[in-house]
């Protein structure tokens, strides 16, 4: 579990107009909520936070917010709202974490090894899922979950139930969901009978036309 520190300030002004002024001044409007805490409005320094996001995987990082009144709180980012095309951050939702209280979150999947079907069968590994939903205590949050695909053959697949989950972590995503498979490249797949017949038709037409031309020449 990765942890990083962020400075934040409480704010009393709310609403769209106040949020626009904050963004114009280089600040990000935010809110923190959680167990036993009333939602509180915050601001963060935009440039500092954007640079931080370049270095961490924010979905699985615990952000320890240090407030201007000297208090602090460990949190997860639940949502980052960005402008539809300018892409600057418009708002951030933080959820406070409490030890012993289970949280649900998405964690990324990491595929390890080269599948047998790729090495020996000329197949292609298709990653159907890139992340799964889990539940755990904040102290057990994994940075990612690994799936070893070395023994995966052509035409076979792995499912969520095949993922090895650490102690203290509960898988929420349904076990029957496919996470990856080794597919046969379309170019190397055997043609269907219909495809083979369609491919042979031009040759048959050319042969019939040649026979007709030969017969016409004999009559002359």
C-alpha atoms as a PDB file:
ATOM      1  CA  UNK A   1       0.000   0.000   0.000  1.00  0.00           C
ATOM      2  CA  UNK A   2       1.464   3.319  -1.108  1.00  0.00           C
ATOM      3  CA  UNK A   3       1.006   6.432   1.041  1.00  0.00           C
ATOM      4  CA  UNK A   4       1.664  10.059   0.183  1.00  0.00           C
ATOM      5  CA  UNK A   5       1.180  13.386   1.968  1.00  0.00           C
ATOM      6  CA  UNK A   6      -0.885  16.300   0.700  1.00  0.00           C
ATOM      7  CA  UNK A   7      -1.486  19.737   2.224  1.00  0.00           C
ATOM      8  CA  UNK A   8      -5.092  20.948   2.242  1.00  0.00           C
ATOM      9  CA  UNK A   9      -7.105  23.843   3.616  1.00  0.00           C
ATOM     10  CA  UNK A  10     -10.635  23.953   4.939  1.00  0.00           C
ATOM     11  CA  UNK A  11     -12.918  26.405   3.157  1.00  0.00           C
ATOM     12  CA  UNK A  12     -16.222  28.004   4.108  1.00  0.00           C
ATOM     13  CA  UNK A  13     -17.245  29.230   0.657  1.00  0.00           C
ATOM     14  CA  UNK A  14     -19.232  26.817  -1.492  1.00  0.00           C
ATOM     15  CA  UNK A  15     -21.123  26.910  -4.774  1.00  0.00           C
ATOM     16  CA  UNK A  16     -20.232  27.168  -8.453  1.00  0.00           C
ATOM     17  CA  UNK A  17     -19.129  30.789  -8.265  1.00  0.00           C
ATOM     18  CA  UNK A  18     -16.767  30.141  -5.358  1.00  0.00           C
ATOM     19  CA  UNK A  19     -15.380  27.050  -7.120  1.00  0.00           C
ATOM     20  CA  UNK A  20     -14.655  29.044 -10.285  1.00  0.00           C
ATOM     21  CA  UNK A  21     -12.753  31.674  -8.272  1.00  0.00           C
ATOM     22  CA  UNK A  22     -10.681  28.971  -6.588  1.00  0.00           C
ATOM     23  CA  UNK A  23      -9.726  27.383  -9.904  1.00  0.00           C
ATOM     24  CA  UNK A  24      -8.853  30.773 -11.355  1.00  0.00           C
ATOM     25  CA  UNK A  25      -6.538  31.280  -8.390  1.00  0.00           C
ATOM     26  CA  UNK A  26      -4.727  27.963  -8.912  1.00  0.00           C
ATOM     27  CA  UNK A  27      -6.667  25.969  -6.302  1.00  0.00           C
ATOM     28  CA  UNK A  28      -8.731  22.767  -6.595  1.00  0.00           C
ATOM     29  CA  UNK A  29     -12.092  22.550  -4.798  1.00  0.00           C
ATOM     30  CA  UNK A  30     -12.468  19.286  -2.882  1.00  0.00           C
ATOM     31  CA  UNK A  31     -14.525  17.581  -0.194  1.00  0.00           C
ATOM     32  CA  UNK A  32     -13.752  15.002   2.490  1.00  0.00           C
ATOM     33  CA  UNK A  33     -16.354  12.670   3.963  1.00  0.00           C
ATOM     34  CA  UNK A  34     -16.395   9.389   5.837  1.00  0.00           C
ATOM     35  CA  UNK A  35     -17.185   7.520   9.026  1.00  0.00           C
ATOM     36  CA  UNK A  36     -18.415   9.873  11.739  1.00  0.00           C
ATOM     37  CA  UNK A  37     -17.431  12.957   9.740  1.00  0.00           C
ATOM     38  CA  UNK A  38     -19.721  15.519   8.214  1.00  0.00           C
ATOM     39  CA  UNK A  39     -18.674  16.373   4.623  1.00  0.00           C
ATOM     40  CA  UNK A  40     -16.198  19.241   4.743  1.00  0.00           C
ATOM     41  CA  UNK A  41     -15.109  21.456   1.863  1.00  0.00           C
ATOM     42  CA  UNK A  42     -11.386  21.761   1.114  1.00  0.00           C
ATOM     43  CA  UNK A  43      -8.931  23.328  -1.304  1.00  0.00           C
ATOM     44  CA  UNK A  44      -5.624  21.968  -2.630  1.00  0.00           C
ATOM     45  CA  UNK A  45      -2.875  23.635  -4.620  1.00  0.00           C
ATOM     46  CA  UNK A  46      -3.507  22.667  -8.248  1.00  0.00           C
ATOM     47  CA  UNK A  47       0.058  22.608  -9.648  1.00  0.00           C
ATOM     48  CA  UNK A  48       1.449  20.665  -6.672  1.00  0.00           C
ATOM     49  CA  UNK A  49      -1.327  18.084  -6.815  1.00  0.00           C
ATOM     50  CA  UNK A  50      -1.141  17.603 -10.589  1.00  0.00           C
ATOM     51  CA  UNK A  51       2.584  16.888 -10.301  1.00  0.00           C
ATOM     52  CA  UNK A  52       1.889  14.410  -7.513  1.00  0.00           C
ATOM     53  CA  UNK A  53      -0.602  12.526  -9.696  1.00  0.00           C
ATOM     54  CA  UNK A  54       2.160  11.985 -12.262  1.00  0.00           C
ATOM     55  CA  UNK A  55       4.104   9.955  -9.681  1.00  0.00           C
ATOM     56  CA  UNK A  56       1.460   7.810  -7.961  1.00  0.00           C
ATOM     57  CA  UNK A  57      -1.333   5.414  -8.887  1.00  0.00           C
ATOM     58  CA  UNK A  58      -4.015   7.431  -7.156  1.00  0.00           C
ATOM     59  CA  UNK A  59      -6.672   4.684  -7.142  1.00  0.00           C
ATOM     60  CA  UNK A  60      -4.592   2.525  -4.790  1.00  0.00           C
ATOM     61  CA  UNK A  61      -2.712   5.246  -2.907  1.00  0.00           C
ATOM     62  CA  UNK A  62      -3.609   6.443   0.577  1.00  0.00           C
ATOM     63  CA  UNK A  63      -3.495  10.245   0.689  1.00  0.00           C
ATOM     64  CA  UNK A  64      -2.707  11.578   4.153  1.00  0.00           C
ATOM     65  CA  UNK A  65      -4.201  15.054   4.161  1.00  0.00           C
ATOM     66  CA  UNK A  66      -2.575  17.575   6.483  1.00  0.00           C
ATOM     67  CA  UNK A  67      -4.919  20.473   7.170  1.00  0.00           C
ATOM     68  CA  UNK A  68      -4.129  24.097   7.940  1.00  0.00           C
ATOM     69  CA  UNK A  69      -5.474  23.678  11.510  1.00  0.00           C
ATOM     70  CA  UNK A  70      -2.793  21.067  12.321  1.00  0.00           C
ATOM     71  CA  UNK A  71      -5.037  17.979  12.053  1.00  0.00           C
ATOM     72  CA  UNK A  72      -4.711  15.199   9.486  1.00  0.00           C
ATOM     73  CA  UNK A  73      -6.702  12.350   7.945  1.00  0.00           C
ATOM     74  CA  UNK A  74      -5.861   9.285   5.895  1.00  0.00           C
ATOM     75  CA  UNK A  75      -8.033   9.122   2.796  1.00  0.00           C
ATOM     76  CA  UNK A  76      -8.711   7.479  -0.548  1.00  0.00           C
ATOM     77  CA  UNK A  77      -9.649   9.443  -3.639  1.00  0.00           C
ATOM     78  CA  UNK A  78     -13.123   8.357  -4.670  1.00  0.00           C
ATOM     79  CA  UNK A  79     -13.480  10.633  -7.662  1.00  0.00           C
ATOM     80  CA  UNK A  80     -11.512  13.160  -9.681  1.00  0.00           C
ATOM     81  CA  UNK A  81     -13.700  15.306 -11.896  1.00  0.00           C
ATOM     82  CA  UNK A  82     -11.956  16.844 -14.902  1.00  0.00           C
ATOM     83  CA  UNK A  83     -13.138  19.333 -17.488  1.00  0.00           C
ATOM     84  CA  UNK A  84     -14.541  17.499 -20.512  1.00  0.00           C
ATOM     85  CA  UNK A  85     -11.926  18.798 -22.993  1.00  0.00           C
ATOM     86  CA  UNK A  86      -9.535  21.132 -21.172  1.00  0.00           C
ATOM     87  CA  UNK A  87      -8.786  18.255 -18.751  1.00  0.00           C
ATOM     88  CA  UNK A  88      -7.974  20.435 -15.725  1.00  0.00           C
ATOM     89  CA  UNK A  89      -9.233  19.117 -12.363  1.00  0.00           C
ATOM     90  CA  UNK A  90     -12.582  20.568 -11.375  1.00  0.00           C
ATOM     91  CA  UNK A  91     -13.201  18.744  -8.093  1.00  0.00           C
ATOM     92  CA  UNK A  92     -11.893  15.888  -5.909  1.00  0.00           C
ATOM     93  CA  UNK A  93     -13.784  13.627  -3.483  1.00  0.00           C
ATOM     94  CA  UNK A  94     -11.785  12.162  -0.577  1.00  0.00           C
ATOM     95  CA  UNK A  95     -13.079   9.382   1.697  1.00  0.00           C
ATOM     96  CA  UNK A  96     -11.580   9.235   5.165  1.00  0.00           C
ATOM     97  CA  UNK A  97     -10.231   5.825   6.180  1.00  0.00           C
ATOM     98  CA  UNK A  98     -10.803   4.343   9.625  1.00  0.00           C
ATOM     99  CA  UNK A  99      -8.787   1.347  10.862  1.00  0.00           C
ATOM    100  CA  UNK A 100     -10.992  -1.731  11.183  1.00  0.00           C
ATOM    101  CA  UNK A 101     -13.597  -0.359   8.791  1.00  0.00           C
ATOM    102  CA  UNK A 102     -13.730  -2.224   5.472  1.00  0.00           C
ATOM    103  CA  UNK A 103     -13.494  -0.208   2.273  1.00  0.00           C
ATOM    104  CA  UNK A 104     -14.314  -1.279  -1.278  1.00  0.00           C
ATOM    105  CA  UNK A 105     -12.146  -0.145  -4.159  1.00  0.00           C
ATOM    106  CA  UNK A 106     -10.794  -1.076  -7.580  1.00  0.00           C
ATOM    107  CA  UNK A 107      -7.217  -2.325  -7.926  1.00  0.00           C
ATOM    108  CA  UNK A 108      -5.298  -2.905 -11.176  1.00  0.00           C
ATOM    109  CA  UNK A 109      -4.347  -6.329 -12.519  1.00  0.00           C
ATOM    110  CA  UNK A 110      -0.789  -7.103 -13.560  1.00  0.00           C
ATOM    111  CA  UNK A 111      -0.209  -9.989 -15.993  1.00  0.00           C
ATOM    112  CA  UNK A 112       3.057 -11.849 -15.364  1.00  0.00           C
ATOM    113  CA  UNK A 113       4.902 -14.120 -17.794  1.00  0.00           C
ATOM    114  CA  UNK A 114       4.434 -15.005 -21.458  1.00  0.00           C
ATOM    115  CA  UNK A 115       1.563 -17.382 -22.208  1.00  0.00           C
ATOM    116  CA  UNK A 116       2.372 -20.791 -23.732  1.00  0.00           C
ATOM    117  CA  UNK A 117      -0.212 -20.073 -26.406  1.00  0.00           C
ATOM    118  CA  UNK A 118       1.730 -16.955 -27.375  1.00  0.00           C
ATOM    119  CA  UNK A 119       5.204 -18.527 -27.209  1.00  0.00           C
ATOM    120  CA  UNK A 120       4.399 -21.799 -28.932  1.00  0.00           C
ATOM    121  CA  UNK A 121       0.991 -21.419 -30.570  1.00  0.00           C
ATOM    122  CA  UNK A 122       1.318 -18.023 -32.206  1.00  0.00           C
ATOM    123  CA  UNK A 123      -1.693 -16.722 -30.271  1.00  0.00           C
ATOM    124  CA  UNK A 124      -2.379 -13.257 -28.905  1.00  0.00           C
ATOM    125  CA  UNK A 125      -2.986 -12.508 -25.211  1.00  0.00           C
ATOM    126  CA  UNK A 126      -6.155 -10.446 -24.880  1.00  0.00           C
ATOM    127  CA  UNK A 127      -6.515  -8.615 -21.544  1.00  0.00           C
ATOM    128  CA  UNK A 128     -10.270  -8.464 -21.058  1.00  0.00           C
ATOM    129  CA  UNK A 129     -10.145  -6.841 -17.610  1.00  0.00           C
ATOM    130  CA  UNK A 130      -7.579  -4.379 -16.283  1.00  0.00           C
ATOM    131  CA  UNK A 131      -8.905  -3.978 -12.728  1.00  0.00           C
ATOM    132  CA  UNK A 132     -11.160  -5.712 -10.198  1.00  0.00           C
ATOM    133  CA  UNK A 133     -13.220  -4.641  -7.209  1.00  0.00           C
ATOM    134  CA  UNK A 134     -12.071  -5.749  -3.749  1.00  0.00           C
ATOM    135  CA  UNK A 135     -12.955  -5.128  -0.095  1.00  0.00           C
ATOM    136  CA  UNK A 136     -10.407  -4.922   2.705  1.00  0.00           C
ATOM    137  CA  UNK A 137      -9.184  -3.041   5.753  1.00  0.00           C
ATOM    138  CA  UNK A 138      -7.283   0.148   4.824  1.00  0.00           C
ATOM    139  CA  UNK A 139      -4.087  -1.412   6.184  1.00  0.00           C
ATOM    140  CA  UNK A 140      -4.332  -4.288   3.662  1.00  0.00           C
ATOM    141  CA  UNK A 141      -4.872  -2.344   0.456  1.00  0.00           C
ATOM    142  CA  UNK A 142      -2.709  -3.978  -2.270  1.00  0.00           C
ATOM    143  CA  UNK A 143      -1.065  -1.843  -4.951  1.00  0.00           C
ATOM    144  CA  UNK A 144      -2.152  -4.425  -7.543  1.00  0.00           C
ATOM    145  CA  UNK A 145      -3.065  -8.095  -7.993  1.00  0.00           C
ATOM    146  CA  UNK A 146      -0.949 -10.430 -10.135  1.00  0.00           C
ATOM    147  CA  UNK A 147      -2.094 -13.088 -12.619  1.00  0.00           C
ATOM    148  CA  UNK A 148       0.581 -15.473 -13.906  1.00  0.00           C
ATOM    149  CA  UNK A 149      -0.351 -16.350 -17.498  1.00  0.00           C
ATOM    150  CA  UNK A 150       2.695 -18.518 -18.352  1.00  0.00           C
ATOM    151  CA  UNK A 151       0.636 -21.743 -18.654  1.00  0.00           C
ATOM    152  CA  UNK A 152      -2.240 -20.261 -20.648  1.00  0.00           C
ATOM    153  CA  UNK A 153      -2.739 -22.150 -23.945  1.00  0.00           C
ATOM    154  CA  UNK A 154      -4.374 -21.051 -27.188  1.00  0.00           C
ATOM    155  CA  UNK A 155      -8.148 -20.958 -26.864  1.00  0.00           C
ATOM    156  CA  UNK A 156      -8.044 -20.997 -23.055  1.00  0.00           C
ATOM    157  CA  UNK A 157      -8.852 -18.237 -20.573  1.00  0.00           C
ATOM    158  CA  UNK A 158      -8.404 -17.221 -16.944  1.00  0.00           C
ATOM    159  CA  UNK A 159     -11.204 -15.905 -14.753  1.00  0.00           C
ATOM    160  CA  UNK A 160     -11.442 -13.763 -11.636  1.00  0.00           C
ATOM    161  CA  UNK A 161     -11.632 -16.917  -9.501  1.00  0.00           C
ATOM    162  CA  UNK A 162      -8.108 -17.833 -10.707  1.00  0.00           C
ATOM    163  CA  UNK A 163      -6.553 -14.718  -9.123  1.00  0.00           C
ATOM    164  CA  UNK A 164      -4.570 -15.320  -5.932  1.00  0.00           C
ATOM    165  CA  UNK A 165      -5.942 -12.873  -3.348  1.00  0.00           C
ATOM    166  CA  UNK A 166      -3.829 -11.878  -0.298  1.00  0.00           C
ATOM    167  CA  UNK A 167      -5.040 -12.614   3.219  1.00  0.00           C
ATOM    168  CA  UNK A 168      -7.447 -10.001   4.485  1.00  0.00           C
ATOM    169  CA  UNK A 169      -8.651  -9.093   0.986  1.00  0.00           C
ATOM    170  CA  UNK A 170     -12.097 -10.123  -0.318  1.00  0.00           C
ATOM    171  CA  UNK A 171     -12.819 -10.276  -4.032  1.00  0.00           C
ATOM    172  CA  UNK A 172     -16.043  -8.466  -4.953  1.00  0.00           C
ATOM    173  CA  UNK A 173     -15.952  -8.908  -8.746  1.00  0.00           C
ATOM    174  CA  UNK A 174     -17.802 -12.112  -9.731  1.00  0.00           C
ATOM    175  CA  UNK A 175     -15.506 -15.138 -10.032  1.00  0.00           C
ATOM    176  CA  UNK A 176     -16.868 -16.160 -13.464  1.00  0.00           C
ATOM    177  CA  UNK A 177     -15.768 -12.916 -15.133  1.00  0.00           C
ATOM    178  CA  UNK A 178     -13.057 -13.499 -17.765  1.00  0.00           C
ATOM    179  CA  UNK A 179      -9.874 -11.503 -17.193  1.00  0.00           C
ATOM    180  CA  UNK A 180      -7.733 -12.711 -20.122  1.00  0.00           C
ATOM    181  CA  UNK A 181      -7.517 -15.286 -22.907  1.00  0.00           C
ATOM    182  CA  UNK A 182      -5.183 -16.396 -25.693  1.00  0.00           C
ATOM    183  CA  UNK A 183      -6.879 -15.942 -29.041  1.00  0.00           C
ATOM    184  CA  UNK A 184      -5.903 -17.298 -32.446  1.00  0.00           C
ATOM    185  CA  UNK A 185      -4.832 -14.491 -34.814  1.00  0.00           C
ATOM    186  CA  UNK A 186      -7.516 -13.991 -37.467  1.00  0.00           C
ATOM    187  CA  UNK A 187      -4.968 -14.143 -40.279  1.00  0.00           C
ATOM    188  CA  UNK A 188      -3.866 -17.641 -39.264  1.00  0.00           C
ATOM    189  CA  UNK A 189      -7.300 -19.062 -38.516  1.00  0.00           C
ATOM    190  CA  UNK A 190      -8.591 -21.881 -40.773  1.00  0.00           C
ATOM    191  CA  UNK A 191     -11.097 -20.591 -43.366  1.00  0.00           C
ATOM    192  CA  UNK A 192     -14.689 -21.698 -42.986  1.00  0.00           C
ATOM    193  CA  UNK A 193     -16.273 -23.819 -45.791  1.00  0.00           C
ATOM    194  CA  UNK A 194     -18.170 -20.731 -46.984  1.00  0.00           C
ATOM    195  CA  UNK A 195     -14.951 -18.674 -47.093  1.00  0.00           C
ATOM    196  CA  UNK A 196     -13.135 -21.458 -48.978  1.00  0.00           C
ATOM    197  CA  UNK A 197     -15.972 -21.702 -51.532  1.00  0.00           C
ATOM    198  CA  UNK A 198     -16.004 -17.938 -52.008  1.00  0.00           C
ATOM    199  CA  UNK A 199     -12.252 -17.914 -52.577  1.00  0.00           C
ATOM    200  CA  UNK A 200     -12.514 -20.688 -55.196  1.00  0.00           C
ATOM    201  CA  UNK A 201     -15.325 -19.042 -57.196  1.00  0.00           C
ATOM    202  CA  UNK A 202     -13.155 -16.613 -59.200  1.00  0.00           C
ATOM    203  CA  UNK A 203     -10.898 -19.475 -60.298  1.00  0.00           C
ATOM    204  CA  UNK A 204     -13.891 -21.550 -61.438  1.00  0.00           C
ATOM    205  CA  UNK A 205     -15.348 -18.607 -63.358  1.00  0.00           C
ATOM    206  CA  UNK A 206     -12.029 -17.982 -65.102  1.00  0.00           C
ATOM    207  CA  UNK A 207     -11.757 -21.696 -66.060  1.00  0.00           C
ATOM    208  CA  UNK A 208     -15.310 -21.784 -67.432  1.00  0.00           C
ATOM    209  CA  UNK A 209     -14.704 -18.646 -69.466  1.00  0.00           C
ATOM    210  CA  UNK A 210     -11.454 -20.099 -70.892  1.00  0.00           C
ATOM    211  CA  UNK A 211     -13.285 -23.289 -71.914  1.00  0.00           C
ATOM    212  CA  UNK A 212     -15.989 -21.253 -73.680  1.00  0.00           C
ATOM    213  CA  UNK A 213     -13.394 -19.242 -75.600  1.00  0.00           C
ATOM    214  CA  UNK A 214     -11.576 -22.456 -76.678  1.00  0.00           C
ATOM    215  CA  UNK A 215     -14.837 -23.988 -77.931  1.00  0.00           C
ATOM    216  CA  UNK A 216     -15.695 -20.843 -79.898  1.00  0.00           C
ATOM    217  CA  UNK A 217     -12.235 -20.888 -81.551  1.00  0.00           C
ATOM    218  CA  UNK A 218     -12.719 -24.516 -82.683  1.00  0.00           C
ATOM    219  CA  UNK A 219     -16.055 -23.659 -84.388  1.00  0.00           C
ATOM    220  CA  UNK A 220     -14.304 -21.009 -86.442  1.00  0.00           C
END
